[in-house]
C-alpha atoms as a PDB file:
ATOM      1  CA  ILE A   1      73.321 -79.872 -43.217  1.00  0.00           C
ATOM      2  CA  SER A   2      70.245 -81.753 -42.056  1.00  0.00           C
ATOM      3  CA  ASP A   3      69.337 -82.013 -38.383  1.00  0.00           C
ATOM      4  CA  SER A   4      70.212 -85.716 -38.412  1.00  0.00           C
ATOM      5  CA  GLY A   5      73.594 -85.007 -40.029  1.00  0.00           C
ATOM      6  CA  LEU A   6      74.336 -82.350 -37.439  1.00  0.00           C
ATOM      7  CA  ALA A   7      73.374 -84.766 -34.643  1.00  0.00           C
ATOM      8  CA  MET A   8      75.815 -87.311 -36.077  1.00  0.00           C
ATOM      9  CA  MET A   9      78.607 -84.771 -36.519  1.00  0.00           C
ATOM     10  CA  ALA A  10      78.148 -83.485 -32.952  1.00  0.00           C
ATOM     11  CA  GLY A  11      78.376 -87.027 -31.585  1.00  0.00           C
ATOM     12  CA  LEU A  12      74.750 -87.002 -30.422  1.00  0.00           C
ATOM     13  CA  ALA A  13      73.757 -89.782 -32.847  1.00  0.00           C
ATOM     14  CA  ASP A  14      75.770 -93.005 -33.175  1.00  0.00           C
ATOM     15  CA  SER A  15      78.077 -93.309 -36.192  1.00  0.00           C
ATOM     16  CA  VAL A  16      80.398 -96.044 -34.891  1.00  0.00           C
ATOM     17  CA  ALA A  17      79.508 -98.397 -37.779  1.00  0.00           C
ATOM     18  CA  LEU A  18      81.259 -96.047 -40.220  1.00  0.00           C
ATOM     19  CA  GLY A  19      84.638 -96.923 -38.672  1.00  0.00           C
ATOM     20  CA  ALA A  20      87.488 -94.617 -37.740  1.00  0.00           C
ATOM     21  CA  PHE A  21      91.255 -94.469 -37.647  1.00  0.00           C
ATOM     22  CA  LEU A  22      92.815 -93.823 -34.255  1.00  0.00           C
ATOM     23  CA  ALA A  23      94.013 -90.222 -33.989  1.00  0.00           C
ATOM     24  CA  GLY A  24      97.617 -91.408 -33.684  1.00  0.00           C
ATOM     25  CA  GLU A  25      97.305 -93.114 -37.071  1.00  0.00           C
ATOM     26  CA  ASN A  26      95.382 -90.254 -38.706  1.00  0.00           C
ATOM     27  CA  ASN A  27      97.624 -87.193 -38.385  1.00  0.00           C
ATOM     28  CA  GLY A  28      95.965 -86.333 -35.068  1.00  0.00           C
ATOM     29  CA  PHE A  29      92.415 -86.323 -36.476  1.00  0.00           C
ATOM     30  CA  ASP A  30      89.887 -88.078 -34.213  1.00  0.00           C
ATOM     31  CA  ARG A  31      86.510 -89.394 -35.417  1.00  0.00           C
ATOM     32  CA  THR A  32      85.714 -91.623 -32.464  1.00  0.00           C
ATOM     33  CA  THR A  33      84.232 -88.900 -30.254  1.00  0.00           C
ATOM     34  CA  LEU A  34      82.394 -86.861 -32.869  1.00  0.00           C
ATOM     35  CA  GLY A  35      81.035 -87.899 -36.251  1.00  0.00           C
ATOM     36  CA  VAL A  36      83.439 -85.569 -38.028  1.00  0.00           C
ATOM     37  CA  PRO A  37      87.258 -85.828 -37.961  1.00  0.00           C
ATOM     38  CA  THR A  38      88.951 -83.133 -35.920  1.00  0.00           C
ATOM     39  CA  THR A  39      92.213 -82.361 -34.161  1.00  0.00           C
ATOM     40  CA  ASP A  40      90.399 -80.163 -31.623  1.00  0.00           C
ATOM     41  CA  ILE A  41      87.477 -82.099 -30.129  1.00  0.00           C
ATOM     42  CA  PRO A  42      86.361 -79.504 -27.537  1.00  0.00           C
ATOM     43  CA  ARG A  43      86.324 -76.656 -30.043  1.00  0.00           C
ATOM     44  CA  MET A  44      84.533 -78.653 -32.776  1.00  0.00           C
ATOM     45  CA  LYS A  45      81.996 -80.044 -30.302  1.00  0.00           C
ATOM     46  CA  ALA A  46      81.256 -76.545 -28.971  1.00  0.00           C
ATOM     47  CA  LEU A  47      80.758 -75.236 -32.514  1.00  0.00           C
ATOM     48  CA  LEU A  48      78.421 -78.092 -33.495  1.00  0.00           C
ATOM     49  CA  LEU A  49      76.443 -77.980 -30.233  1.00  0.00           C
ATOM     50  CA  ALA A  50      76.009 -74.220 -30.591  1.00  0.00           C
ATOM     51  CA  GLU A  51      74.407 -74.780 -34.005  1.00  0.00           C
ATOM     52  CA  TRP A  52      72.312 -77.640 -32.566  1.00  0.00           C
ATOM     53  CA  GLU A  53      71.000 -75.374 -29.815  1.00  0.00           C
ATOM     54  CA  ARG A  54      70.505 -72.476 -32.276  1.00  0.00           C
ATOM     55  CA  ARG A  55      68.104 -74.805 -34.113  1.00  0.00           C
ATOM     56  CA  GLY A  56      66.127 -75.166 -30.899  1.00  0.00           C
ATOM     57  CA  PHE A  57      67.277 -78.617 -29.827  1.00  0.00           C
ATOM     58  CA  ALA A  58      68.612 -79.907 -26.520  1.00  0.00           C
ATOM     59  CA  PRO A  59      71.543 -82.374 -26.557  1.00  0.00           C
ATOM     60  CA  GLU A  60      69.244 -85.264 -25.562  1.00  0.00           C
ATOM     61  CA  ASP A  61      67.198 -84.682 -28.740  1.00  0.00           C
ATOM     62  CA  GLY A  62      70.018 -86.287 -30.747  1.00  0.00           C
ATOM     63  CA  ALA A  63      69.116 -89.701 -29.331  1.00  0.00           C
ATOM     64  CA  LYS A  64      65.950 -89.785 -31.469  1.00  0.00           C
ATOM     65  CA  TYR A  65      68.050 -90.386 -34.605  1.00  0.00           C
ATOM     66  CA  PRO A  66      68.921 -93.988 -35.459  1.00  0.00           C
ATOM     67  CA  ALA A  67      72.540 -95.049 -35.724  1.00  0.00           C
ATOM     68  CA  PHE A  68      74.194 -93.992 -38.985  1.00  0.00           C
ATOM     69  CA  GLY A  69      75.463 -96.585 -41.430  1.00  0.00           C
ATOM     70  CA  GLY A  70      72.362 -98.489 -42.569  1.00  0.00           C
ATOM     71  CA  PRO A  71      73.495-102.013 -43.497  1.00  0.00           C
ATOM     72  CA  LEU A  72      76.826-101.449 -41.738  1.00  0.00           C
ATOM     73  CA  VAL A  73      74.934-100.975 -38.454  1.00  0.00           C
ATOM     74  CA  ASP A  74      72.926-104.112 -39.186  1.00  0.00           C
ATOM     75  CA  GLN A  75      76.147-106.036 -39.804  1.00  0.00           C
ATOM     76  CA  LEU A  76      77.631-105.010 -36.442  1.00  0.00           C
ATOM     77  CA  LYS A  77      74.443-106.043 -34.643  1.00  0.00           C
ATOM     78  CA  PHE A  78      73.966-109.283 -36.574  1.00  0.00           C
ATOM     79  CA  LYS A  79      73.527-112.458 -34.502  1.00  0.00           C
ATOM     80  CA  PRO A  80      74.265-115.596 -36.527  1.00  0.00           C
ATOM     81  CA  GLU A  81      71.990-118.619 -36.505  1.00  0.00           C
ATOM     82  CA  PRO A  82      72.973-122.233 -37.206  1.00  0.00           C
ATOM     83  CA  CYS A  83      74.494-122.899 -40.616  1.00  0.00           C
ATOM     84  CA  LYS A  84      72.362-124.528 -43.283  1.00  0.00           C
ATOM     85  CA  GLU A  85      73.014-128.101 -44.335  1.00  0.00           C
ATOM     86  CA  GLY A  86      76.403-128.311 -46.062  1.00  0.00           C
ATOM     87  CA  GLU A  87      77.762-125.052 -44.623  1.00  0.00           C
ATOM     88  CA  GLY A  88      80.546-124.736 -42.048  1.00  0.00           C
ATOM     89  CA  VAL A  89      83.705-126.822 -41.661  1.00  0.00           C
ATOM     90  CA  ASP A  90      83.440-130.490 -42.567  1.00  0.00           C
ATOM     91  CA  GLY A  91      85.389-133.492 -41.244  1.00  0.00           C
ATOM     92  CA  ALA A  92      88.147-132.951 -43.819  1.00  0.00           C
ATOM     93  CA  GLY A  93      88.613-129.342 -42.674  1.00  0.00           C
ATOM     94  CA  LYS A  94      86.975-127.893 -45.791  1.00  0.00           C
ATOM     95  CA  ILE A  95      85.058-124.638 -45.286  1.00  0.00           C
ATOM     96  CA  ARG A  96      81.828-124.538 -47.242  1.00  0.00           C
ATOM     97  CA  TRP A  97      79.287-121.784 -47.770  1.00  0.00           C
ATOM     98  CA  ASN A  98      76.552-120.856 -50.208  1.00  0.00           C
ATOM     99  CA  GLY A  99      76.187-117.616 -52.132  1.00  0.00           C
ATOM    100  CA  GLY A 100      79.204-117.385 -54.388  1.00  0.00           C
ATOM    101  CA  GLU A 101      82.839-116.357 -54.297  1.00  0.00           C
ATOM    102  CA  ALA A 102      84.303-114.276 -51.476  1.00  0.00           C
ATOM    103  CA  ARG A 103      87.039-111.784 -50.693  1.00  0.00           C
ATOM    104  CA  TYR A 104      86.948-112.109 -46.885  1.00  0.00           C
ATOM    105  CA  LEU A 105      86.520-115.168 -44.695  1.00  0.00           C
ATOM    106  CA  TYR A 106      86.376-115.164 -40.899  1.00  0.00           C
ATOM    107  CA  VAL A 107      86.199-117.985 -38.386  1.00  0.00           C
ATOM    108  CA  LEU A 108      85.316-116.570 -34.977  1.00  0.00           C
ATOM    109  CA  PRO A 109      84.316-118.095 -31.672  1.00  0.00           C
ATOM    110  CA  GLU A 110      80.596-118.226 -30.990  1.00  0.00           C
ATOM    111  CA  GLY A 111      79.556-114.941 -29.371  1.00  0.00           C
ATOM    112  CA  ALA A 112      82.316-112.851 -30.954  1.00  0.00           C
ATOM    113  CA  ALA A 113      81.368-109.499 -32.443  1.00  0.00           C
ATOM    114  CA  SER A 114      80.515-109.543 -36.123  1.00  0.00           C
ATOM    115  CA  PRO A 115      83.110-107.932 -38.403  1.00  0.00           C
ATOM    116  CA  GLY A 116      82.500-104.365 -39.562  1.00  0.00           C
ATOM    117  CA  VAL A 117      84.355-101.939 -41.804  1.00  0.00           C
ATOM    118  CA  PRO A 118      88.049-101.095 -41.823  1.00  0.00           C
ATOM    119  CA  PRO A 119      90.099 -99.590 -40.413  1.00  0.00           C
ATOM    120  CA  ASN A 120      89.041-100.411 -36.846  1.00  0.00           C
ATOM    121  CA  LEU A 121      86.020-102.745 -36.978  1.00  0.00           C
ATOM    122  CA  ASP A 122      87.222-105.408 -39.403  1.00  0.00           C
ATOM    123  CA  GLU A 123      89.264-107.490 -36.949  1.00  0.00           C
ATOM    124  CA  PRO A 124      86.935-108.329 -34.047  1.00  0.00           C
ATOM    125  CA  ALA A 125      88.551-109.473 -30.806  1.00  0.00           C
ATOM    126  CA  GLY A 126      88.863-113.239 -30.691  1.00  0.00           C
ATOM    127  CA  THR A 127      88.990-113.779 -34.457  1.00  0.00           C
ATOM    128  CA  LEU A 128      90.577-117.195 -34.938  1.00  0.00           C
ATOM    129  CA  TRP A 129      91.256-116.966 -38.649  1.00  0.00           C
ATOM    130  CA  LEU A 130      90.825-114.190 -41.203  1.00  0.00           C
ATOM    131  CA  ILE A 131      91.874-114.400 -44.824  1.00  0.00           C
ATOM    132  CA  ASP A 132      91.273-112.034 -47.699  1.00  0.00           C
ATOM    133  CA  VAL A 133      92.466-111.299 -51.222  1.00  0.00           C
ATOM    134  CA  PRO A 134      93.645-107.980 -52.684  1.00  0.00           C
ATOM    135  CA  THR A 135      91.042-106.098 -54.719  1.00  0.00           C
ATOM    136  CA  LYS A 136      92.849-106.749 -58.021  1.00  0.00           C
ATOM    137  CA  GLU A 137      92.897-110.494 -57.432  1.00  0.00           C
ATOM    138  CA  ALA A 138      90.115-112.981 -58.123  1.00  0.00           C
ATOM    139  CA  PRO A 139      87.884-113.918 -55.186  1.00  0.00           C
ATOM    140  CA  PHE A 140      87.981-117.434 -53.763  1.00  0.00           C
ATOM    141  CA  ALA A 141      85.342-120.154 -53.862  1.00  0.00           C
ATOM    142  CA  SER A 142      83.788-122.315 -51.183  1.00  0.00           C
ATOM    143  CA  GLY A 143      85.745-125.447 -50.321  1.00  0.00           C
ATOM    144  CA  LEU A 144      89.069-124.094 -49.121  1.00  0.00           C
ATOM    145  CA  THR A 145      90.780-125.763 -46.184  1.00  0.00           C
ATOM    146  CA  TYR A 146      90.672-124.190 -42.721  1.00  0.00           C
ATOM    147  CA  GLY A 147      94.090-122.728 -41.916  1.00  0.00           C
ATOM    148  CA  ALA A 148      95.503-123.148 -45.441  1.00  0.00           C
ATOM    149  CA  VAL A 149      96.325-120.124 -47.588  1.00  0.00           C
ATOM    150  CA  SER A 150      96.989-120.388 -51.310  1.00  0.00           C
ATOM    151  CA  GLY A 151      97.337-118.229 -54.384  1.00  0.00           C
ATOM    152  CA  ALA A 152      96.620-114.553 -53.752  1.00  0.00           C
ATOM    153  CA  GLN A 153      94.967-115.210 -50.375  1.00  0.00           C
ATOM    154  CA  ARG A 154      96.476-113.416 -47.368  1.00  0.00           C
ATOM    155  CA  GLN A 155      96.146-114.562 -43.780  1.00  0.00           C
ATOM    156  CA  ARG A 156      95.552-111.462 -41.661  1.00  0.00           C
ATOM    157  CA  LEU A 157      94.737-113.214 -38.390  1.00  0.00           C
ATOM    158  CA  PRO A 158      96.540-114.668 -36.704  1.00  0.00           C
ATOM    159  CA  ALA A 159      99.208-112.202 -37.789  1.00  0.00           C
ATOM    160  CA  ALA A 160     101.846-114.946 -37.541  1.00  0.00           C
ATOM    161  CA  GLY A 161     101.716-118.677 -37.243  1.00  0.00           C
ATOM    162  CA  PRO A 162      98.995-121.174 -38.033  1.00  0.00           C
ATOM    163  CA  ALA A 163      95.284-120.797 -37.365  1.00  0.00           C
ATOM    164  CA  PRO A 164      94.358-122.315 -34.004  1.00  0.00           C
ATOM    165  CA  ALA A 165      92.875-125.790 -34.125  1.00  0.00           C
ATOM    166  CA  LEU A 166      89.101-125.991 -33.862  1.00  0.00           C
ATOM    167  CA  VAL A 167      87.870-127.866 -30.792  1.00  0.00           C
ATOM    168  CA  PRO A 168      85.643-130.798 -31.785  1.00  0.00           C
ATOM    169  CA  GLY A 169      82.061-130.162 -30.664  1.00  0.00           C
ATOM    170  CA  ALA A 170      82.615-126.408 -30.105  1.00  0.00           C
ATOM    171  CA  ARG A 171      80.506-123.887 -32.009  1.00  0.00           C
ATOM    172  CA  TYR A 172      82.060-121.252 -34.238  1.00  0.00           C
ATOM    173  CA  HIS A 173      80.870-118.307 -36.307  1.00  0.00           C
ATOM    174  CA  LEU A 174      81.590-118.527 -40.051  1.00  0.00           C
ATOM    175  CA  HIS A 175      81.440-115.058 -41.602  1.00  0.00           C
ATOM    176  CA  VAL A 176      82.012-114.827 -45.364  1.00  0.00           C
ATOM    177  CA  LEU A 177      81.889-111.550 -47.313  1.00  0.00           C
ATOM    178  CA  ARG A 178      81.672-110.924 -51.051  1.00  0.00           C
ATOM    179  CA  ASP A 179      83.343-107.615 -50.175  1.00  0.00           C
ATOM    180  CA  ILE A 180      83.360-105.165 -47.270  1.00  0.00           C
ATOM    181  CA  GLY A 181      79.760-104.695 -46.166  1.00  0.00           C
ATOM    182  CA  PHE A 182      78.404-107.454 -48.443  1.00  0.00           C
ATOM    183  CA  PRO A 183      77.910-110.674 -46.455  1.00  0.00           C
ATOM    184  CA  ILE A 184      77.342-113.998 -48.193  1.00  0.00           C
ATOM    185  CA  THR A 185      77.160-116.396 -45.254  1.00  0.00           C
ATOM    186  CA  ARG A 186      77.043-115.640 -41.520  1.00  0.00           C
ATOM    187  CA  CYS A 187      76.227-118.705 -39.480  1.00  0.00           C
ATOM    188  CA  LEU A 188      77.201-120.931 -36.552  1.00  0.00           C
ATOM    189  CA  PHE A 189      78.709-124.371 -37.140  1.00  0.00           C
ATOM    190  CA  THR A 190      79.858-127.128 -34.827  1.00  0.00           C
ATOM    191  CA  ALA A 191      83.434-128.280 -35.347  1.00  0.00           C
ATOM    192  CA  PRO A 192      83.504-131.910 -36.411  1.00  0.00           C
ATOM    193  CA  GLY A 193      84.914-134.511 -34.024  1.00  0.00           C
END
């Protein structure tokens, strides 16, 4: 394994963007502390750090490696800018975006974390509305109505009940994905009055 891979596995280099199941939902395997799933964190960490030190490195040397995940890291760190003309939610409640059909659509409050990968980064705290479609179903086009679900679309958030009303004049983050890790539109819009 490369030095960078070992740094990631030992938890010395950030791999949060790759996502992780909680140990309780993953047969006891944890991947939130180290970059490799394990049921015995202290033992695995000791093994990996011993190899790291055998290679002549100190633990602080792991910080020189960038976070793992490439575009997934970029997505987590993304800060949206104002939507382009014609994007966002219009006065009739229609959500519009450019770039083609989508499988995931989020409406988040301004300042909320950008969505990442499942299983633990795809439902950021504060998400107002999240819909998706199963992989075997056709994606959906721009122009659907905020809070309305039709056809194969599934509302994931809120888990029950209607989407919360948008406050006129408040700014929101529209985040539309062609698929996991493939954003189409990520911008801020002002709810119409």
